[in-house]
Amino acid sequence: MNVLSQMLRLACACKAKIMCNGVFVSGMDPRRLAREDAAFHPFFRLAVPKIDRERESVTCTILGSGLFGEKAIHVGGIGAVLLSGTPEEKVRSWRAVEARPAASLDATSTPWPAGDLPRPPARTPGIDASKVESAVARLFDERGRRNPLRTRRCSWFTTGTSSASATRRDSVRIPGS
């Protein structure tokens, strides 16, 4: 198999898995998903997805021709699984491992990673927080752009474990500044 064939097959495989996770795990709109999340490389734009909602699967082929077809299926409790030569019935028989219940905690008042509360980063000498805030705000600013950025999330790390992040719904502010 030559390099071009490998790249086309890989594009179909990646797009099938991205689309399967997006549609069946995250509940995203397939058109938006194909346009924004699964078209970051020119070869991905050649991979045309066929979504089977009844079987919860996505098959991608080059230009919908059947060439280089790759299939991902949704398996409850596991997510999207790329078949890659494994029989579909075998993959569908897989069962999710049951997670043990976590200790009872209030996620809204517990810092990440155990909860949902952002962990304030340690102040790093030499970093101007206002400049970081301004740069992050520009990542979410769509005004006057011919080609929208469509930024959904931004994370940055300073030293060791200190970090901060922003999402489209957040106000962009560094905790502790």
N, C-alpha and C. Protein backbone atom coordinates (compact mmCIF):
# COMPACT_ATOMS: atom_id res chain seq x y z
N MET A 1 0.85 -1.17 0.00
CA MET A 1 0.00 0.00 0.00
C MET A 1 0.90 1.24 0.00
N ASN A 2 0.66 2.15 -0.92
CA ASN A 2 1.51 3.33 -0.98
C ASN A 2 1.07 4.37 0.05
N VAL A 3 1.86 5.43 0.17
CA VAL A 3 1.62 6.44 1.20
C VAL A 3 0.27 7.14 0.99
N LEU A 4 -0.08 7.46 -0.25
CA LEU A 4 -1.36 8.12 -0.51
C LEU A 4 -2.52 7.24 -0.07
N SER A 5 -2.46 5.96 -0.39
CA SER A 5 -3.52 5.04 0.03
C SER A 5 -3.63 4.99 1.55
N GLN A 6 -2.50 4.95 2.22
CA GLN A 6 -2.51 4.91 3.68
C GLN A 6 -3.13 6.18 4.26
N MET A 7 -2.80 7.32 3.66
CA MET A 7 -3.33 8.58 4.16
C MET A 7 -4.83 8.69 3.92
N LEU A 8 -5.31 8.20 2.78
CA LEU A 8 -6.75 8.24 2.49
C LEU A 8 -7.51 7.31 3.43
N ARG A 9 -6.95 6.13 3.69
CA ARG A 9 -7.60 5.20 4.61
C ARG A 9 -7.61 5.78 6.03
N LEU A 10 -6.51 6.39 6.42
CA LEU A 10 -6.42 7.00 7.75
C LEU A 10 -7.42 8.15 7.88
N ALA A 11 -7.58 8.95 6.83
CA ALA A 11 -8.56 10.04 6.86
C ALA A 11 -9.96 9.49 7.06
N CYS A 12 -10.29 8.42 6.36
CA CYS A 12 -11.63 7.81 6.50
C CYS A 12 -11.81 7.25 7.91
N ALA A 13 -10.78 6.59 8.44
CA ALA A 13 -10.86 5.99 9.77
C ALA A 13 -11.03 7.07 10.84
N CYS A 14 -10.20 8.10 10.78
CA CYS A 14 -10.28 9.17 11.79
C CYS A 14 -11.62 9.89 11.73
N LYS A 15 -12.07 10.21 10.51
CA LYS A 15 -13.32 10.94 10.39
C LYS A 15 -14.50 10.08 10.87
N ALA A 16 -14.46 8.78 10.58
CA ALA A 16 -15.53 7.89 11.05
C ALA A 16 -15.60 7.90 12.58
N LYS A 17 -14.45 7.82 13.23
CA LYS A 17 -14.44 7.79 14.70
C LYS A 17 -14.84 9.15 15.28
N ILE A 18 -14.34 10.23 14.71
CA ILE A 18 -14.71 11.57 15.18
C ILE A 18 -16.22 11.78 15.05
N MET A 19 -16.76 11.41 13.89
CA MET A 19 -18.19 11.60 13.64
C MET A 19 -19.03 10.70 14.55
N CYS A 20 -18.59 9.47 14.75
CA CYS A 20 -19.34 8.54 15.61
C CYS A 20 -19.38 9.05 17.05
N ASN A 21 -18.24 9.48 17.57
CA ASN A 21 -18.22 10.03 18.93
C ASN A 21 -19.05 11.29 19.02
N GLY A 22 -18.89 12.17 18.04
CA GLY A 22 -19.61 13.44 18.07
C GLY A 22 -21.12 13.27 18.03
N VAL A 23 -21.58 12.39 17.13
CA VAL A 23 -23.02 12.21 16.93
C VAL A 23 -23.64 11.37 18.05
N PHE A 24 -23.05 10.22 18.35
CA PHE A 24 -23.69 9.27 19.27
C PHE A 24 -23.28 9.41 20.73
N VAL A 25 -22.14 10.03 21.01
CA VAL A 25 -21.73 10.23 22.40
C VAL A 25 -22.05 11.65 22.85
N SER A 26 -21.69 12.64 22.02
CA SER A 26 -21.87 14.04 22.41
C SER A 26 -23.17 14.66 21.91
N GLY A 27 -23.85 13.99 20.98
CA GLY A 27 -25.11 14.50 20.47
C GLY A 27 -24.97 15.73 19.59
N MET A 28 -23.84 15.88 18.93
CA MET A 28 -23.60 17.06 18.09
C MET A 28 -24.31 16.94 16.74
N ASP A 29 -24.54 18.07 16.12
CA ASP A 29 -25.10 18.13 14.78
C ASP A 29 -24.06 17.62 13.79
N PRO A 30 -24.38 16.62 12.96
CA PRO A 30 -23.38 16.04 12.05
C PRO A 30 -22.81 17.03 11.04
N ARG A 31 -23.62 17.96 10.56
CA ARG A 31 -23.09 18.93 9.58
C ARG A 31 -22.06 19.84 10.22
N ARG A 32 -22.38 20.32 11.41
CA ARG A 32 -21.44 21.19 12.11
C ARG A 32 -20.17 20.42 12.48
N LEU A 33 -20.35 19.22 12.94
CA LEU A 33 -19.22 18.37 13.32
C LEU A 33 -18.30 18.13 12.12
N ALA A 34 -18.89 17.79 10.97
CA ALA A 34 -18.09 17.54 9.76
C ALA A 34 -17.36 18.80 9.32
N ARG A 35 -18.01 19.95 9.46
CA ARG A 35 -17.43 21.21 9.01
C ARG A 35 -16.35 21.72 9.95
N GLU A 36 -16.59 21.61 11.27
CA GLU A 36 -15.70 22.24 12.23
C GLU A 36 -14.67 21.31 12.87
N ASP A 37 -15.06 20.11 13.23
CA ASP A 37 -14.16 19.22 13.97
C ASP A 37 -13.50 18.16 13.10
N ALA A 38 -14.13 17.81 12.00
CA ALA A 38 -13.61 16.69 11.21
C ALA A 38 -13.19 17.12 9.81
N ALA A 39 -12.72 18.36 9.68
CA ALA A 39 -12.27 18.84 8.37
C ALA A 39 -10.97 19.64 8.50
N PHE A 40 -10.15 19.28 9.50
CA PHE A 40 -8.95 20.07 9.74
C PHE A 40 -7.80 19.73 8.80
N HIS A 41 -7.93 18.68 8.01
CA HIS A 41 -6.92 18.31 7.02
C HIS A 41 -7.62 18.13 5.68
N PRO A 42 -6.98 18.52 4.59
CA PRO A 42 -7.65 18.38 3.28
C PRO A 42 -8.15 16.97 2.98
N PHE A 43 -7.44 15.93 3.40
CA PHE A 43 -7.89 14.57 3.14
C PHE A 43 -9.19 14.26 3.89
N PHE A 44 -9.37 14.89 5.07
CA PHE A 44 -10.60 14.66 5.82
C PHE A 44 -11.81 15.18 5.06
N ARG A 45 -11.60 16.22 4.26
CA ARG A 45 -12.71 16.78 3.47
C ARG A 45 -13.12 15.82 2.36
N LEU A 46 -12.21 14.92 1.96
CA LEU A 46 -12.52 13.93 0.92
C LEU A 46 -13.31 12.75 1.48
N ALA A 47 -13.18 12.52 2.78
CA ALA A 47 -13.86 11.40 3.43
C ALA A 47 -15.32 11.79 3.70
N VAL A 48 -16.24 11.10 3.05
CA VAL A 48 -17.67 11.41 3.18
C VAL A 48 -18.31 10.41 4.14
N PRO A 49 -18.92 10.92 5.23
CA PRO A 49 -19.53 10.02 6.21
C PRO A 49 -20.94 9.61 5.83
N LYS A 50 -21.28 8.38 6.15
CA LYS A 50 -22.65 7.88 6.04
C LYS A 50 -23.04 7.45 7.45
N ILE A 51 -24.03 8.13 8.01
CA ILE A 51 -24.44 7.89 9.39
C ILE A 51 -25.66 6.98 9.41
N ASP A 52 -25.54 5.87 10.13
CA ASP A 52 -26.66 4.94 10.31
C ASP A 52 -27.13 5.08 11.76
N ARG A 53 -28.19 5.86 11.95
CA ARG A 53 -28.67 6.12 13.31
C ARG A 53 -29.27 4.88 13.95
N GLU A 54 -29.87 4.01 13.16
CA GLU A 54 -30.47 2.79 13.71
C GLU A 54 -29.40 1.87 14.29
N ARG A 55 -28.30 1.69 13.57
CA ARG A 55 -27.21 0.81 14.02
C ARG A 55 -26.14 1.58 14.82
N GLU A 56 -26.33 2.90 14.95
CA GLU A 56 -25.37 3.76 15.64
C GLU A 56 -23.95 3.53 15.11
N SER A 57 -23.81 3.77 13.81
CA SER A 57 -22.50 3.60 13.18
C SER A 57 -22.26 4.70 12.15
N VAL A 58 -20.99 4.90 11.84
CA VAL A 58 -20.60 5.85 10.81
C VAL A 58 -19.57 5.16 9.92
N THR A 59 -19.83 5.18 8.61
CA THR A 59 -18.89 4.64 7.64
C THR A 59 -18.43 5.79 6.75
N CYS A 60 -17.13 5.93 6.60
CA CYS A 60 -16.59 6.97 5.73
C CYS A 60 -15.86 6.34 4.56
N THR A 61 -16.08 6.91 3.38
CA THR A 61 -15.36 6.49 2.18
C THR A 61 -14.93 7.75 1.42
N ILE A 62 -13.99 7.59 0.54
CA ILE A 62 -13.51 8.73 -0.25
C ILE A 62 -14.59 9.14 -1.24
N LEU A 63 -15.06 10.38 -1.10
CA LEU A 63 -16.09 10.98 -1.95
C LEU A 63 -17.35 10.11 -2.05
N GLY A 64 -17.60 9.29 -1.02
CA GLY A 64 -18.78 8.44 -1.01
C GLY A 64 -18.74 7.31 -2.03
N SER A 65 -17.55 7.01 -2.53
CA SER A 65 -17.39 6.03 -3.61
C SER A 65 -17.31 4.59 -3.13
N GLY A 66 -17.12 4.38 -1.84
CA GLY A 66 -16.90 3.03 -1.33
C GLY A 66 -15.42 2.71 -1.20
N LEU A 67 -14.55 3.56 -1.75
CA LEU A 67 -13.11 3.32 -1.64
C LEU A 67 -12.59 3.70 -0.27
N PHE A 68 -11.69 2.89 0.24
CA PHE A 68 -11.03 3.10 1.53
C PHE A 68 -12.03 3.21 2.68
N GLY A 69 -13.11 2.46 2.61
CA GLY A 69 -14.15 2.52 3.63
C GLY A 69 -13.67 2.08 5.00
N GLU A 70 -14.01 2.87 5.98
CA GLU A 70 -13.72 2.56 7.38
C GLU A 70 -14.98 2.82 8.18
N LYS A 71 -15.20 1.99 9.20
CA LYS A 71 -16.44 2.07 9.97
C LYS A 71 -16.16 2.15 11.46
N ALA A 72 -16.90 3.04 12.13
CA ALA A 72 -16.85 3.15 13.59
C ALA A 72 -18.27 2.91 14.09
N ILE A 73 -18.37 2.20 15.21
CA ILE A 73 -19.69 1.93 15.80
C ILE A 73 -19.71 2.44 17.24
N HIS A 74 -20.90 2.81 17.68
CA HIS A 74 -21.06 3.24 19.06
C HIS A 74 -21.41 2.03 19.91
N VAL A 75 -20.64 1.83 20.96
CA VAL A 75 -20.89 0.75 21.91
C VAL A 75 -21.22 1.42 23.25
N GLY A 76 -22.42 1.17 23.76
CA GLY A 76 -22.87 1.80 25.00
C GLY A 76 -21.89 1.62 26.14
N GLY A 77 -21.59 2.70 26.83
CA GLY A 77 -20.68 2.66 27.96
C GLY A 77 -19.21 2.68 27.58
N ILE A 78 -18.92 2.56 26.29
CA ILE A 78 -17.53 2.58 25.83
C ILE A 78 -17.29 3.79 24.93
N GLY A 79 -18.20 4.02 23.99
CA GLY A 79 -18.03 5.12 23.05
C GLY A 79 -17.85 4.59 21.64
N ALA A 80 -17.22 5.38 20.78
CA ALA A 80 -17.01 4.99 19.39
C ALA A 80 -15.81 4.05 19.30
N VAL A 81 -15.99 2.97 18.55
CA VAL A 81 -14.92 1.99 18.35
C VAL A 81 -14.72 1.83 16.84
N LEU A 82 -13.51 2.03 16.38
CA LEU A 82 -13.17 1.82 14.98
C LEU A 82 -12.98 0.33 14.77
N LEU A 83 -13.66 -0.24 13.80
CA LEU A 83 -13.63 -1.70 13.64
C LEU A 83 -12.25 -2.20 13.21
N SER A 84 -11.61 -1.61 12.25
CA SER A 84 -10.25 -1.98 11.83
C SER A 84 -10.04 -3.48 11.69
N GLY A 85 -10.96 -4.14 11.03
CA GLY A 85 -10.80 -5.57 10.76
C GLY A 85 -11.43 -6.48 11.80
N THR A 86 -11.82 -5.95 12.94
CA THR A 86 -12.49 -6.77 13.96
C THR A 86 -13.96 -6.89 13.58
N PRO A 87 -14.53 -8.10 13.63
CA PRO A 87 -15.94 -8.26 13.28
C PRO A 87 -16.85 -7.39 14.13
N GLU A 88 -17.82 -6.77 13.49
CA GLU A 88 -18.73 -5.86 14.18
C GLU A 88 -19.46 -6.55 15.33
N GLU A 89 -19.90 -7.80 15.13
CA GLU A 89 -20.63 -8.51 16.17
C GLU A 89 -19.77 -8.70 17.43
N LYS A 90 -18.49 -8.95 17.23
CA LYS A 90 -17.59 -9.12 18.36
C LYS A 90 -17.48 -7.82 19.16
N VAL A 91 -17.31 -6.70 18.45
CA VAL A 91 -17.18 -5.42 19.13
C VAL A 91 -18.49 -5.05 19.84
N ARG A 92 -19.62 -5.32 19.19
CA ARG A 92 -20.91 -5.00 19.81
C ARG A 92 -21.17 -5.85 21.06
N SER A 93 -20.49 -6.96 21.20
CA SER A 93 -20.67 -7.81 22.39
C SER A 93 -19.85 -7.31 23.58
N TRP A 94 -18.95 -6.37 23.36
CA TRP A 94 -18.14 -5.83 24.45
C TRP A 94 -19.05 -5.12 25.45
N ARG A 95 -18.71 -5.24 26.71
CA ARG A 95 -19.47 -4.58 27.76
C ARG A 95 -18.55 -3.61 28.49
N ALA A 96 -19.12 -2.50 28.86
CA ALA A 96 -18.36 -1.51 29.60
C ALA A 96 -18.04 -2.04 30.99
N VAL A 97 -16.91 -1.68 31.50
CA VAL A 97 -16.54 -2.02 32.86
C VAL A 97 -17.26 -1.04 33.77
N GLU A 98 -17.95 -1.56 34.76
CA GLU A 98 -18.68 -0.68 35.66
C GLU A 98 -17.71 0.04 36.57
N ALA A 99 -17.87 1.34 36.62
CA ALA A 99 -17.03 2.15 37.50
C ALA A 99 -17.58 2.09 38.91
N ARG A 100 -16.69 2.05 39.87
CA ARG A 100 -17.12 2.11 41.26
C ARG A 100 -17.61 3.52 41.56
N PRO A 101 -18.64 3.65 42.37
CA PRO A 101 -19.12 4.99 42.68
C PRO A 101 -18.05 5.81 43.38
N ALA A 102 -17.93 7.05 43.00
CA ALA A 102 -16.96 7.95 43.63
C ALA A 102 -17.45 8.33 45.01
N ALA A 103 -16.52 8.72 45.83
CA ALA A 103 -16.90 9.20 47.16
C ALA A 103 -17.83 10.39 46.98
N SER A 104 -18.80 10.50 47.85
CA SER A 104 -19.76 11.58 47.75
C SER A 104 -19.07 12.91 47.97
N LEU A 105 -19.23 13.82 47.01
CA LEU A 105 -18.66 15.15 47.14
C LEU A 105 -19.52 16.13 46.35
N ASP A 106 -19.39 17.37 46.70
CA ASP A 106 -20.11 18.42 45.99
C ASP A 106 -19.20 18.90 44.86
N ALA A 107 -19.52 18.52 43.63
CA ALA A 107 -18.68 18.85 42.48
C ALA A 107 -18.57 20.35 42.26
N THR A 108 -19.58 21.11 42.66
CA THR A 108 -19.54 22.56 42.43
C THR A 108 -18.58 23.28 43.37
N SER A 109 -18.21 22.65 44.48
CA SER A 109 -17.28 23.30 45.42
C SER A 109 -15.96 22.56 45.54
N THR A 110 -15.75 21.52 44.72
CA THR A 110 -14.52 20.75 44.75
C THR A 110 -13.68 21.10 43.52
N PRO A 111 -12.40 21.44 43.72
CA PRO A 111 -11.55 21.79 42.58
C PRO A 111 -11.34 20.61 41.62
N TRP A 112 -11.13 20.95 40.37
CA TRP A 112 -10.77 19.98 39.35
C TRP A 112 -9.45 19.34 39.76
N PRO A 113 -9.20 18.05 39.55
CA PRO A 113 -9.90 17.13 38.67
C PRO A 113 -11.04 16.36 39.33
N ALA A 114 -11.17 16.40 40.67
CA ALA A 114 -12.24 15.63 41.32
C ALA A 114 -13.59 16.31 41.16
N GLY A 115 -13.60 17.63 41.02
CA GLY A 115 -14.86 18.37 40.89
C GLY A 115 -14.84 19.28 39.68
N ASP A 116 -15.79 20.21 39.65
CA ASP A 116 -15.94 21.11 38.52
C ASP A 116 -15.36 22.49 38.75
N LEU A 117 -14.92 22.77 39.96
CA LEU A 117 -14.40 24.10 40.29
C LEU A 117 -13.01 24.28 39.69
N PRO A 118 -12.79 25.38 38.95
CA PRO A 118 -11.44 25.60 38.40
C PRO A 118 -10.44 25.76 39.53
N ARG A 119 -9.29 25.20 39.34
CA ARG A 119 -8.23 25.32 40.33
C ARG A 119 -7.42 26.57 40.00
N PRO A 120 -7.34 27.53 40.91
CA PRO A 120 -6.60 28.74 40.59
C PRO A 120 -5.12 28.42 40.41
N PRO A 121 -4.52 28.97 39.38
CA PRO A 121 -3.10 28.69 39.17
C PRO A 121 -2.23 29.46 40.15
N ALA A 122 -1.08 28.92 40.40
CA ALA A 122 -0.12 29.65 41.21
C ALA A 122 0.34 30.85 40.38
N ARG A 123 0.54 31.95 41.02
CA ARG A 123 1.02 33.14 40.30
C ARG A 123 2.44 32.87 39.85
N THR A 124 2.71 33.08 38.58
CA THR A 124 4.03 32.82 38.03
C THR A 124 4.75 34.14 37.84
N PRO A 125 5.89 34.28 38.47
CA PRO A 125 6.64 35.54 38.32
C PRO A 125 6.98 35.78 36.85
N GLY A 126 6.85 37.03 36.43
CA GLY A 126 7.23 37.39 35.07
C GLY A 126 6.12 37.26 34.04
N ILE A 127 4.95 36.75 34.45
CA ILE A 127 3.83 36.63 33.51
C ILE A 127 2.81 37.71 33.83
N ASP A 128 2.51 38.52 32.84
CA ASP A 128 1.53 39.60 32.97
C ASP A 128 0.15 39.02 32.70
N ALA A 129 -0.66 38.86 33.76
CA ALA A 129 -1.98 38.23 33.64
C ALA A 129 -2.87 38.98 32.67
N SER A 130 -2.77 40.30 32.62
CA SER A 130 -3.63 41.08 31.71
C SER A 130 -3.31 40.77 30.25
N LYS A 131 -2.04 40.50 29.93
CA LYS A 131 -1.67 40.14 28.56
C LYS A 131 -2.20 38.76 28.19
N VAL A 132 -2.15 37.83 29.15
CA VAL A 132 -2.68 36.49 28.90
C VAL A 132 -4.19 36.57 28.70
N GLU A 133 -4.88 37.33 29.57
CA GLU A 133 -6.33 37.50 29.43
C GLU A 133 -6.69 38.08 28.07
N SER A 134 -5.94 39.07 27.62
CA SER A 134 -6.20 39.71 26.33
C SER A 134 -5.99 38.72 25.18
N ALA A 135 -4.92 37.94 25.23
CA ALA A 135 -4.64 36.97 24.17
C ALA A 135 -5.72 35.90 24.11
N VAL A 136 -6.16 35.43 25.26
CA VAL A 136 -7.20 34.40 25.29
C VAL A 136 -8.52 34.98 24.79
N ALA A 137 -8.84 36.20 25.18
CA ALA A 137 -10.08 36.84 24.72
C ALA A 137 -10.11 36.92 23.19
N ARG A 138 -8.96 37.20 22.57
CA ARG A 138 -8.90 37.27 21.09
C ARG A 138 -9.20 35.91 20.45
N LEU A 139 -8.90 34.81 21.13
CA LEU A 139 -9.19 33.49 20.58
C LEU A 139 -10.69 33.24 20.43
N PHE A 140 -11.50 33.92 21.25
CA PHE A 140 -12.95 33.73 21.23
C PHE A 140 -13.68 34.83 20.46
N ASP A 141 -12.96 35.84 20.03
CA ASP A 141 -13.57 37.00 19.37
C ASP A 141 -13.76 36.73 17.88
N GLU A 142 -15.01 36.64 17.45
CA GLU A 142 -15.34 36.36 16.05
C GLU A 142 -15.63 37.63 15.25
N ARG A 143 -15.68 38.78 15.90
CA ARG A 143 -16.06 40.02 15.22
C ARG A 143 -15.07 40.37 14.10
N GLY A 144 -15.63 40.67 12.92
CA GLY A 144 -14.82 41.13 11.80
C GLY A 144 -14.00 40.05 11.12
N ARG A 145 -14.21 38.79 11.43
CA ARG A 145 -13.43 37.71 10.83
C ARG A 145 -14.17 37.13 9.64
N ARG A 146 -13.47 37.03 8.51
CA ARG A 146 -14.05 36.39 7.34
C ARG A 146 -14.15 34.88 7.55
N ASN A 147 -13.13 34.30 8.17
CA ASN A 147 -13.11 32.87 8.50
C ASN A 147 -13.13 32.73 10.02
N PRO A 148 -14.28 32.38 10.59
CA PRO A 148 -14.39 32.30 12.05
C PRO A 148 -13.42 31.30 12.66
N LEU A 149 -12.96 31.62 13.85
CA LEU A 149 -12.05 30.72 14.57
C LEU A 149 -12.80 29.53 15.16
N ARG A 150 -14.02 29.74 15.61
CA ARG A 150 -14.86 28.71 16.22
C ARG A 150 -14.20 28.08 17.45
N THR A 151 -13.46 28.87 18.20
CA THR A 151 -12.79 28.37 19.40
C THR A 151 -13.84 27.96 20.41
N ARG A 152 -13.70 26.76 20.96
CA ARG A 152 -14.62 26.28 21.99
C ARG A 152 -13.96 26.27 23.36
N ARG A 153 -12.67 26.00 23.38
CA ARG A 153 -11.97 25.89 24.66
C ARG A 153 -10.50 26.22 24.47
N CYS A 154 -9.92 26.81 25.49
CA CYS A 154 -8.50 27.13 25.48
C CYS A 154 -7.95 26.78 26.85
N SER A 155 -6.86 26.05 26.89
CA SER A 155 -6.19 25.74 28.16
C SER A 155 -4.74 26.16 28.03
N TRP A 156 -4.18 26.62 29.10
CA TRP A 156 -2.77 26.95 29.08
C TRP A 156 -2.14 26.54 30.39
N PHE A 157 -0.86 26.28 30.33
CA PHE A 157 -0.12 25.78 31.48
C PHE A 157 1.06 26.70 31.72
N THR A 158 1.34 26.96 32.96
CA THR A 158 2.45 27.84 33.27
C THR A 158 3.60 27.05 33.87
N THR A 159 3.49 26.62 35.10
CA THR A 159 4.56 25.84 35.71
C THR A 159 3.97 24.63 36.42
N GLY A 160 4.65 23.52 36.34
CA GLY A 160 4.22 22.34 37.06
C GLY A 160 2.76 22.02 36.82
N THR A 161 1.98 22.04 37.89
CA THR A 161 0.57 21.67 37.76
C THR A 161 -0.35 22.88 37.69
N SER A 162 0.20 24.09 37.77
CA SER A 162 -0.70 25.24 37.73
C SER A 162 -1.15 25.47 36.29
N SER A 163 -2.44 25.68 36.13
CA SER A 163 -3.00 25.87 34.80
C SER A 163 -4.29 26.66 34.92
N ALA A 164 -4.80 27.07 33.78
CA ALA A 164 -6.08 27.75 33.73
C ALA A 164 -6.71 27.42 32.39
N SER A 165 -8.01 27.66 32.29
CA SER A 165 -8.67 27.41 31.02
C SER A 165 -9.87 28.31 30.89
N ALA A 166 -10.36 28.40 29.65
CA ALA A 166 -11.55 29.19 29.37
C ALA A 166 -12.37 28.46 28.33
N THR A 167 -13.67 28.55 28.41
CA THR A 167 -14.54 28.01 27.38
C THR A 167 -15.41 29.15 26.86
N ARG A 168 -16.09 28.91 25.76
CA ARG A 168 -16.90 29.95 25.14
C ARG A 168 -17.92 30.52 26.13
N ARG A 169 -18.45 29.70 27.03
CA ARG A 169 -19.48 30.19 27.95
C ARG A 169 -18.88 30.92 29.15
N ASP A 170 -17.57 30.75 29.38
CA ASP A 170 -16.91 31.42 30.51
C ASP A 170 -16.60 32.87 30.17
N SER A 171 -16.50 33.69 31.20
CA SER A 171 -15.86 34.98 30.97
C SER A 171 -14.38 34.66 31.03
N VAL A 172 -13.59 35.31 30.20
CA VAL A 172 -12.18 35.00 30.15
C VAL A 172 -11.48 35.76 31.27
N ARG A 173 -11.09 35.03 32.28
CA ARG A 173 -10.42 35.64 33.42
C ARG A 173 -9.53 34.59 34.05
N ILE A 174 -8.34 34.95 34.38
CA ILE A 174 -7.43 34.04 35.05
C ILE A 174 -7.77 34.03 36.53
N PRO A 175 -8.07 32.85 37.08
CA PRO A 175 -8.38 32.78 38.51
C PRO A 175 -7.20 33.32 39.32
N GLY A 176 -7.50 34.10 40.33
CA GLY A 176 -6.45 34.62 41.20
C GLY A 176 -5.82 35.91 40.71
N SER A 177 -6.26 36.45 39.55
CA SER A 177 -5.64 37.69 39.06
C SER A 177 -6.44 38.89 39.49
